[in-house]
């Protein structure tokens, strides 16, 4: 499992009544105090549910991962 996590990215996507939120994460690796994925809330993207071309926000969110 450790090799799979090297250089991997993780995003979180939440859908609410009127919006969709995309949150990138920071990959802290597999060991140490910062292991796992940590939300980068300050880089989140919020769009209206009716927004077209949601894939652009997925790619933008992936670029915001650390």
N, C-alpha and C. Protein backbone atom coordinates (compact mmCIF):
# COMPACT_ATOMS: atom_id res chain seq x y z
N UNK A 1 0.82 -1.20 0.00
CA UNK A 1 0.00 0.00 0.00
C UNK A 1 0.86 1.25 0.00
N UNK A 2 2.05 1.20 0.57
CA UNK A 2 2.88 2.40 0.65
C UNK A 2 3.26 2.93 -0.72
N UNK A 3 3.62 2.03 -1.66
CA UNK A 3 4.01 2.48 -3.00
C UNK A 3 2.85 3.16 -3.71
N UNK A 4 1.64 2.68 -3.48
CA UNK A 4 0.47 3.26 -4.14
C UNK A 4 0.23 4.69 -3.69
N UNK A 5 0.63 5.02 -2.47
CA UNK A 5 0.37 6.35 -1.94
C UNK A 5 1.41 7.37 -2.39
N UNK A 6 2.59 6.91 -2.79
CA UNK A 6 3.62 7.84 -3.28
C UNK A 6 3.10 8.62 -4.48
N UNK A 7 3.18 9.92 -4.41
CA UNK A 7 2.76 10.82 -5.50
C UNK A 7 1.28 10.72 -5.84
N UNK A 8 0.47 10.11 -5.00
CA UNK A 8 -0.96 10.02 -5.28
C UNK A 8 -1.66 11.30 -4.84
N UNK A 9 -2.83 11.53 -5.41
CA UNK A 9 -3.63 12.69 -5.06
C UNK A 9 -5.03 12.23 -4.66
N UNK A 10 -5.65 13.02 -3.81
CA UNK A 10 -7.00 12.70 -3.33
C UNK A 10 -7.79 13.99 -3.26
N UNK A 11 -8.99 13.97 -3.81
CA UNK A 11 -9.88 15.13 -3.66
C UNK A 11 -11.19 14.66 -3.02
N UNK A 12 -11.84 15.59 -2.36
CA UNK A 12 -13.14 15.29 -1.76
C UNK A 12 -14.19 16.12 -2.50
N UNK A 13 -15.32 15.48 -2.78
CA UNK A 13 -16.41 16.16 -3.48
C UNK A 13 -17.68 15.98 -2.67
N UNK A 14 -18.31 17.10 -2.35
CA UNK A 14 -19.56 17.09 -1.58
C UNK A 14 -20.65 17.78 -2.38
N UNK A 15 -21.81 17.16 -2.44
CA UNK A 15 -22.96 17.78 -3.09
C UNK A 15 -23.99 18.12 -2.04
N UNK A 16 -24.43 19.36 -2.06
CA UNK A 16 -25.50 19.83 -1.17
C UNK A 16 -26.68 20.27 -2.03
N UNK A 17 -27.70 20.82 -1.42
CA UNK A 17 -28.90 21.19 -2.16
C UNK A 17 -28.61 22.14 -3.32
N UNK A 18 -27.81 23.16 -3.08
CA UNK A 18 -27.60 24.18 -4.11
C UNK A 18 -26.16 24.30 -4.58
N UNK A 19 -25.24 23.51 -4.04
CA UNK A 19 -23.84 23.66 -4.41
C UNK A 19 -23.09 22.34 -4.42
N UNK A 20 -21.95 22.37 -5.09
CA UNK A 20 -21.00 21.25 -5.08
C UNK A 20 -19.67 21.82 -4.64
N UNK A 21 -19.02 21.15 -3.69
CA UNK A 21 -17.75 21.61 -3.15
C UNK A 21 -16.65 20.60 -3.49
N UNK A 22 -15.54 21.11 -4.01
CA UNK A 22 -14.37 20.31 -4.34
C UNK A 22 -13.25 20.72 -3.39
N UNK A 23 -12.68 19.77 -2.65
CA UNK A 23 -11.62 20.09 -1.69
C UNK A 23 -10.38 19.26 -2.01
N UNK A 24 -9.25 19.93 -2.34
CA UNK A 24 -8.01 19.20 -2.55
C UNK A 24 -7.38 18.80 -1.22
N UNK A 25 -6.42 17.91 -1.28
CA UNK A 25 -5.73 17.48 -0.06
C UNK A 25 -4.22 17.53 -0.24
N UNK A 26 -3.54 17.43 0.88
CA UNK A 26 -2.09 17.33 0.90
C UNK A 26 -1.74 15.90 1.27
N UNK A 27 -0.86 15.29 0.49
CA UNK A 27 -0.43 13.92 0.74
C UNK A 27 0.72 13.96 1.74
N UNK A 28 0.46 13.48 2.95
CA UNK A 28 1.47 13.47 4.00
C UNK A 28 2.30 12.20 4.06
N UNK A 29 2.12 11.32 3.09
CA UNK A 29 2.89 10.08 3.06
C UNK A 29 2.29 9.00 3.95
N UNK A 30 3.07 7.97 4.19
CA UNK A 30 2.56 6.81 4.92
C UNK A 30 3.09 6.69 6.34
N UNK A 31 4.05 7.54 6.70
CA UNK A 31 4.60 7.48 8.06
C UNK A 31 4.73 8.89 8.63
N UNK A 32 4.92 8.97 9.92
CA UNK A 32 5.14 10.25 10.56
C UNK A 32 3.86 10.89 11.06
N UNK A 33 4.03 12.05 11.67
CA UNK A 33 2.90 12.75 12.28
C UNK A 33 1.90 13.28 11.27
N UNK A 34 2.33 13.52 10.04
CA UNK A 34 1.44 14.12 9.04
C UNK A 34 1.00 13.11 7.98
N UNK A 35 1.05 11.83 8.30
CA UNK A 35 0.71 10.80 7.32
C UNK A 35 -0.78 10.88 6.94
N UNK A 36 -1.04 10.38 5.75
CA UNK A 36 -2.41 10.41 5.25
C UNK A 36 -2.68 11.68 4.46
N UNK A 37 -3.94 11.93 4.21
CA UNK A 37 -4.34 13.10 3.44
C UNK A 37 -4.96 14.14 4.35
N UNK A 38 -4.56 15.38 4.15
CA UNK A 38 -5.06 16.50 4.96
C UNK A 38 -5.80 17.47 4.03
N UNK A 39 -7.01 17.85 4.42
CA UNK A 39 -7.79 18.80 3.61
C UNK A 39 -7.07 20.14 3.48
N UNK A 40 -7.13 20.71 2.31
CA UNK A 40 -6.62 22.06 2.07
C UNK A 40 -7.84 22.97 1.88
N UNK A 41 -8.52 23.22 2.98
CA UNK A 41 -9.79 23.96 2.95
C UNK A 41 -9.67 25.34 2.31
N UNK A 42 -8.51 25.96 2.45
CA UNK A 42 -8.32 27.29 1.89
C UNK A 42 -8.28 27.28 0.35
N UNK A 43 -8.19 26.08 -0.24
CA UNK A 43 -8.17 25.97 -1.70
C UNK A 43 -9.45 25.34 -2.26
N UNK A 44 -10.47 25.24 -1.43
CA UNK A 44 -11.69 24.58 -1.90
C UNK A 44 -12.39 25.41 -2.97
N UNK A 45 -13.13 24.72 -3.82
CA UNK A 45 -13.86 25.33 -4.91
C UNK A 45 -15.33 25.02 -4.69
N UNK A 46 -16.18 26.04 -4.69
CA UNK A 46 -17.62 25.85 -4.51
C UNK A 46 -18.33 26.38 -5.75
N UNK A 47 -19.16 25.54 -6.37
CA UNK A 47 -19.92 25.94 -7.55
C UNK A 47 -21.39 25.59 -7.35
N UNK A 48 -22.25 26.21 -8.13
CA UNK A 48 -23.68 25.92 -8.07
C UNK A 48 -23.96 24.54 -8.64
N UNK A 49 -25.00 23.89 -8.12
CA UNK A 49 -25.39 22.56 -8.61
C UNK A 49 -25.68 22.55 -10.11
N UNK A 50 -26.15 23.65 -10.63
CA UNK A 50 -26.54 23.71 -12.04
C UNK A 50 -25.36 23.97 -12.98
N UNK A 51 -24.16 24.07 -12.44
CA UNK A 51 -22.98 24.37 -13.24
C UNK A 51 -22.70 23.24 -14.23
N UNK A 52 -22.38 23.63 -15.46
CA UNK A 52 -22.02 22.67 -16.50
C UNK A 52 -20.51 22.40 -16.45
N UNK A 53 -20.08 21.35 -17.10
CA UNK A 53 -18.66 21.00 -17.22
C UNK A 53 -17.96 20.89 -15.86
N UNK A 54 -18.52 20.09 -14.99
CA UNK A 54 -17.92 19.93 -13.66
C UNK A 54 -16.52 19.33 -13.71
N UNK A 55 -16.20 18.65 -14.81
CA UNK A 55 -14.88 18.03 -14.92
C UNK A 55 -13.75 19.06 -14.82
N UNK A 56 -13.98 20.29 -15.28
CA UNK A 56 -12.94 21.31 -15.19
C UNK A 56 -12.59 21.60 -13.74
N UNK A 57 -13.57 21.50 -12.84
CA UNK A 57 -13.31 21.75 -11.43
C UNK A 57 -12.60 20.57 -10.77
N UNK A 58 -12.88 19.37 -11.26
CA UNK A 58 -12.15 18.20 -10.77
C UNK A 58 -10.67 18.35 -11.12
N UNK A 59 -10.37 18.70 -12.36
CA UNK A 59 -8.97 18.86 -12.78
C UNK A 59 -8.30 20.02 -12.05
N UNK A 60 -9.01 21.12 -11.86
CA UNK A 60 -8.45 22.26 -11.13
C UNK A 60 -8.15 21.86 -9.69
N UNK A 61 -9.05 21.11 -9.09
CA UNK A 61 -8.86 20.67 -7.71
C UNK A 61 -7.65 19.73 -7.62
N UNK A 62 -7.49 18.83 -8.59
CA UNK A 62 -6.33 17.94 -8.60
C UNK A 62 -5.03 18.73 -8.71
N UNK A 63 -5.04 19.81 -9.49
CA UNK A 63 -3.85 20.65 -9.61
C UNK A 63 -3.54 21.36 -8.30
N UNK A 64 -4.56 21.61 -7.47
CA UNK A 64 -4.36 22.29 -6.18
C UNK A 64 -3.87 21.35 -5.08
N UNK A 65 -3.82 20.06 -5.36
CA UNK A 65 -3.31 19.11 -4.36
C UNK A 65 -1.81 19.31 -4.15
N UNK A 66 -1.37 18.97 -2.96
CA UNK A 66 0.07 19.08 -2.64
C UNK A 66 0.62 17.71 -2.30
